[in-house]
Amino acid sequence: MGEKQTALEYLNQSLTLFRTLKDRSGKANTFLDRSGEAHILLDIGLVYSDLGEKQKALEYYNQSLTLFRTLKDRSGEANILNSRNQASS
């Protein structure tokens, strides 16, 4: 469980950095910034799912799904839908 908590700490640091970068730029978010943010949210959801915290996992999956849909990233969307299905079962 310690490794998963460490993973969550690193992922949350990464998420904060992605969000800070887009706030500082003063420009519209780039596809790569938002895609990176979506993937980090997915990864956080996966860790919570592994920890058995399904509701928390679903919260992160939903945030990620919103970004993937905004980006029209069908592959990312498919990954999220698959992960949500696994967390729901």
C-alpha atoms as a PDB file:
ATOM      1  CA  MET A   1       0.000   0.000   0.000  1.00  0.00           C
ATOM      2  CA  GLY A   2       2.942   2.344   0.619  1.00  0.00           C
ATOM      3  CA  GLU A   3       3.954   2.258  -3.035  1.00  0.00           C
ATOM      4  CA  LYS A   4       0.459   3.207  -4.158  1.00  0.00           C
ATOM      5  CA  GLN A   5       0.354   6.129  -1.717  1.00  0.00           C
ATOM      6  CA  THR A   6       3.712   7.288  -3.060  1.00  0.00           C
ATOM      7  CA  ALA A   7       2.359   6.962  -6.594  1.00  0.00           C
ATOM      8  CA  LEU A   8      -0.636   9.118  -5.635  1.00  0.00           C
ATOM      9  CA  GLU A   9       1.685  11.766  -4.197  1.00  0.00           C
ATOM     10  CA  TYR A  10       3.731  11.914  -7.399  1.00  0.00           C
ATOM     11  CA  LEU A  11       0.660  11.923  -9.623  1.00  0.00           C
ATOM     12  CA  ASN A  12      -0.921  14.736  -7.628  1.00  0.00           C
ATOM     13  CA  GLN A  13       2.309  16.723  -7.910  1.00  0.00           C
ATOM     14  CA  SER A  14       2.257  16.174 -11.667  1.00  0.00           C
ATOM     15  CA  LEU A  15      -1.382  17.212 -11.866  1.00  0.00           C
ATOM     16  CA  THR A  16      -0.619  20.404  -9.946  1.00  0.00           C
ATOM     17  CA  LEU A  17       2.280  21.173 -12.308  1.00  0.00           C
ATOM     18  CA  PHE A  18       0.130  20.678 -15.403  1.00  0.00           C
ATOM     19  CA  ARG A  19      -2.531  22.953 -13.984  1.00  0.00           C
ATOM     20  CA  THR A  20       0.039  25.551 -12.911  1.00  0.00           C
ATOM     21  CA  LEU A  21       1.603  25.603 -16.380  1.00  0.00           C
ATOM     22  CA  LYS A  22      -1.681  26.355 -18.048  1.00  0.00           C
ATOM     23  CA  ASP A  23      -2.523  29.031 -15.476  1.00  0.00           C
ATOM     24  CA  ARG A  24       0.798  30.843 -15.955  1.00  0.00           C
ATOM     25  CA  SER A  25       0.797  30.795 -19.724  1.00  0.00           C
ATOM     26  CA  GLY A  26      -2.188  33.080 -20.022  1.00  0.00           C
ATOM     27  CA  LYS A  27      -2.954  31.304 -23.314  1.00  0.00           C
ATOM     28  CA  ALA A  28      -5.534  28.765 -24.229  1.00  0.00           C
ATOM     29  CA  ASN A  29      -4.573  25.297 -23.070  1.00  0.00           C
ATOM     30  CA  THR A  30      -2.615  23.325 -25.587  1.00  0.00           C
ATOM     31  CA  PHE A  31      -3.753  19.886 -26.622  1.00  0.00           C
ATOM     32  CA  LEU A  32      -0.674  18.335 -24.994  1.00  0.00           C
ATOM     33  CA  ASP A  33      -1.266  20.088 -21.663  1.00  0.00           C
ATOM     34  CA  ARG A  34      -4.882  19.007 -21.495  1.00  0.00           C
ATOM     35  CA  SER A  35      -4.111  15.522 -22.771  1.00  0.00           C
ATOM     36  CA  GLY A  36      -1.385  15.160 -20.146  1.00  0.00           C
ATOM     37  CA  GLU A  37      -3.807  16.324 -17.479  1.00  0.00           C
ATOM     38  CA  ALA A  38      -6.418  13.803 -18.676  1.00  0.00           C
ATOM     39  CA  HIS A  39      -3.893  10.955 -18.551  1.00  0.00           C
ATOM     40  CA  ILE A  40      -2.777  11.902 -15.042  1.00  0.00           C
ATOM     41  CA  LEU A  41      -6.404  11.957 -13.884  1.00  0.00           C
ATOM     42  CA  LEU A  42      -6.827   8.496 -15.428  1.00  0.00           C
ATOM     43  CA  ASP A  43      -3.715   7.233 -13.634  1.00  0.00           C
ATOM     44  CA  ILE A  44      -4.924   8.617 -10.298  1.00  0.00           C
ATOM     45  CA  GLY A  45      -8.220   6.830 -10.860  1.00  0.00           C
ATOM     46  CA  LEU A  46      -6.392   3.585 -11.592  1.00  0.00           C
ATOM     47  CA  VAL A  47      -4.434   3.817  -8.337  1.00  0.00           C
ATOM     48  CA  TYR A  48      -7.591   4.488  -6.344  1.00  0.00           C
ATOM     49  CA  SER A  49      -9.220   1.530  -8.063  1.00  0.00           C
ATOM     50  CA  ASP A  50      -6.267  -0.683  -7.087  1.00  0.00           C
ATOM     51  CA  LEU A  51      -6.668   0.555  -3.500  1.00  0.00           C
ATOM     52  CA  GLY A  52     -10.311  -0.534  -3.584  1.00  0.00           C
ATOM     53  CA  GLU A  53     -11.610   3.045  -3.430  1.00  0.00           C
ATOM     54  CA  LYS A  54     -13.995   2.653  -6.336  1.00  0.00           C
ATOM     55  CA  GLN A  55     -16.009   5.848  -5.762  1.00  0.00           C
ATOM     56  CA  LYS A  56     -12.857   7.966  -5.650  1.00  0.00           C
ATOM     57  CA  ALA A  57     -11.613   6.204  -8.788  1.00  0.00           C
ATOM     58  CA  LEU A  58     -14.866   6.997 -10.592  1.00  0.00           C
ATOM     59  CA  GLU A  59     -14.558  10.682  -9.653  1.00  0.00           C
ATOM     60  CA  TYR A  60     -11.146  10.886 -11.333  1.00  0.00           C
ATOM     61  CA  TYR A  61     -12.280   8.825 -14.310  1.00  0.00           C
ATOM     62  CA  ASN A  62     -15.174  11.228 -14.861  1.00  0.00           C
ATOM     63  CA  GLN A  63     -12.864  14.259 -14.774  1.00  0.00           C
ATOM     64  CA  SER A  64     -10.566  12.544 -17.249  1.00  0.00           C
ATOM     65  CA  LEU A  65     -13.458  11.525 -19.507  1.00  0.00           C
ATOM     66  CA  THR A  66     -14.649  15.133 -19.704  1.00  0.00           C
ATOM     67  CA  LEU A  67     -11.212  16.270 -20.864  1.00  0.00           C
ATOM     68  CA  PHE A  68     -10.817  13.438 -23.386  1.00  0.00           C
ATOM     69  CA  ARG A  69     -14.223  14.247 -24.855  1.00  0.00           C
ATOM     70  CA  THR A  70     -13.373  17.954 -25.036  1.00  0.00           C
ATOM     71  CA  LEU A  71     -10.173  17.047 -26.881  1.00  0.00           C
ATOM     72  CA  LYS A  72     -12.056  14.613 -29.127  1.00  0.00           C
ATOM     73  CA  ASP A  73      -9.534  11.953 -28.091  1.00  0.00           C
ATOM     74  CA  ARG A  74     -11.485   8.785 -28.848  1.00  0.00           C
ATOM     75  CA  SER A  75      -8.695   6.477 -27.703  1.00  0.00           C
ATOM     76  CA  GLY A  76      -8.499   8.200 -24.318  1.00  0.00           C
ATOM     77  CA  GLU A  77     -12.276   8.124 -24.073  1.00  0.00           C
ATOM     78  CA  ALA A  78     -12.302   4.385 -24.765  1.00  0.00           C
ATOM     79  CA  ASN A  79      -9.654   3.768 -22.092  1.00  0.00           C
ATOM     80  CA  ILE A  80     -11.684   5.694 -19.530  1.00  0.00           C
ATOM     81  CA  LEU A  81     -14.920   3.907 -20.366  1.00  0.00           C
ATOM     82  CA  ASN A  82     -13.143   0.581 -19.963  1.00  0.00           C
ATOM     83  CA  SER A  83     -11.645   1.641 -16.616  1.00  0.00           C
ATOM     84  CA  ARG A  84     -15.015   2.939 -15.396  1.00  0.00           C
ATOM     85  CA  ASN A  85     -16.612  -0.370 -16.323  1.00  0.00           C
ATOM     86  CA  GLN A  86     -13.997  -2.294 -14.338  1.00  0.00           C
ATOM     87  CA  ALA A  87     -14.380   0.004 -11.317  1.00  0.00           C
ATOM     88  CA  SER A  88     -18.154  -0.407 -11.395  1.00  0.00           C
ATOM     89  CA  SER A  89     -18.067  -4.189 -11.334  1.00  0.00           C
END
